Amino acid sequence: MRYEPMKFENIRSLRIDGGYTQAQIAEYLNVKQNTYSQYEIGTLNYPIDVLMKLADFYGVSVDYLLGRTGVSTPYPKK
């Protein structure tokens, strides 16, 4: 089975639409800017904890970040 990194356009779009730089988001995630850049261009896959932090930061669901739904509203927390 081949493992390929994936790009998720909603993540990049949310960053740009929010007026954030890669460096600002990288700092929030506690990763280097270069690492975050590699997430966005698809060189590295997003770890689950990063996806969860991004969903919380932008106020959207992880499914929206991944492009699995067009509805950005996050699910209620348990």
Protein backbone atom coordinates (compact mmCIF):
# COMPACT_ATOMS: atom_id res chain seq x y z
CA MET A 1 0.00 0.00 0.00
CA ARG A 2 1.40 3.37 -1.00
CA TYR A 3 1.18 6.28 1.43
CA GLU A 4 0.72 9.69 -0.18
CA PRO A 5 0.48 13.09 1.51
CA MET A 6 -2.78 14.93 0.87
CA LYS A 7 -3.56 18.59 0.32
CA PHE A 8 -6.70 20.13 1.73
CA GLU A 9 -7.63 23.42 0.08
CA ASN A 10 -10.09 24.48 2.80
CA ILE A 11 -7.26 24.75 5.32
CA ARG A 12 -5.27 27.11 3.12
CA SER A 13 -8.38 29.10 2.17
CA LEU A 14 -9.37 29.60 5.81
CA ARG A 15 -5.90 30.89 6.61
CA ILE A 16 -5.85 33.32 3.71
CA ASP A 17 -9.46 34.48 4.19
CA GLY A 18 -8.72 35.09 7.87
CA GLY A 19 -5.71 37.22 6.99
CA TYR A 20 -3.22 34.92 8.73
CA THR A 21 0.30 34.13 7.60
CA GLN A 22 1.77 30.66 7.64
CA ALA A 23 4.13 31.86 10.37
CA GLN A 24 1.21 32.92 12.60
CA ILE A 25 -0.57 29.59 12.22
CA ALA A 26 2.69 27.69 12.71
CA GLU A 27 3.27 29.58 15.96
CA TYR A 28 -0.25 28.73 17.16
CA LEU A 29 0.37 25.06 16.34
CA ASN A 30 3.84 25.17 17.93
CA VAL A 31 5.56 23.99 14.75
CA LYS A 32 8.12 25.64 12.50
CA GLN A 33 6.84 27.75 9.62
CA ASN A 34 8.57 25.42 7.17
CA THR A 35 6.71 22.44 8.65
CA TYR A 36 3.38 24.22 8.31
CA SER A 37 4.23 25.15 4.73
CA GLN A 38 4.90 21.49 3.99
CA TYR A 39 1.47 20.61 5.41
CA GLU A 40 -0.21 23.11 3.08
CA ILE A 41 1.59 22.04 -0.08
CA GLY A 42 1.08 18.36 0.67
CA THR A 43 4.68 17.33 1.37
CA LEU A 44 3.68 16.27 4.90
CA ASN A 45 0.35 14.93 6.13
CA TYR A 46 -1.41 16.81 8.91
CA PRO A 47 -1.21 14.96 12.23
CA ILE A 48 -4.61 14.43 13.86
CA ASP A 49 -3.79 16.76 16.76
CA VAL A 50 -2.94 19.54 14.28
CA LEU A 51 -6.24 19.03 12.45
CA MET A 52 -8.12 19.23 15.73
CA LYS A 53 -6.33 22.45 16.75
CA LEU A 54 -7.00 24.00 13.33
CA ALA A 55 -10.69 23.06 13.52
CA ASP A 56 -10.93 24.70 16.95
CA PHE A 57 -8.98 27.76 15.79
CA TYR A 58 -11.19 28.37 12.75
CA GLY A 59 -14.42 27.22 14.43
CA VAL A 60 -15.14 24.53 11.85
CA SER A 61 -15.39 20.75 11.78
CA VAL A 62 -12.46 18.51 10.87
CA ASP A 63 -14.65 17.13 8.06
CA TYR A 64 -14.85 20.65 6.62
CA LEU A 65 -11.07 21.05 6.82
CA LEU A 66 -10.67 17.78 4.94
CA GLY A 67 -13.21 18.69 2.27
CA ARG A 68 -15.58 15.89 3.27
CA THR A 69 -18.46 18.36 3.67
CA GLY A 70 -19.27 21.86 2.54
CA VAL A 71 -20.86 22.67 5.89
CA SER A 72 -18.35 24.43 8.09
CA THR A 73 -20.36 24.33 11.34
CA PRO A 74 -18.49 22.28 13.95
CA TYR A 75 -20.16 19.36 15.67
CA PRO A 76 -21.30 19.85 19.26
CA LYS A 77 -18.71 18.73 21.83
CA LYS A 78 -19.53 15.83 24.08
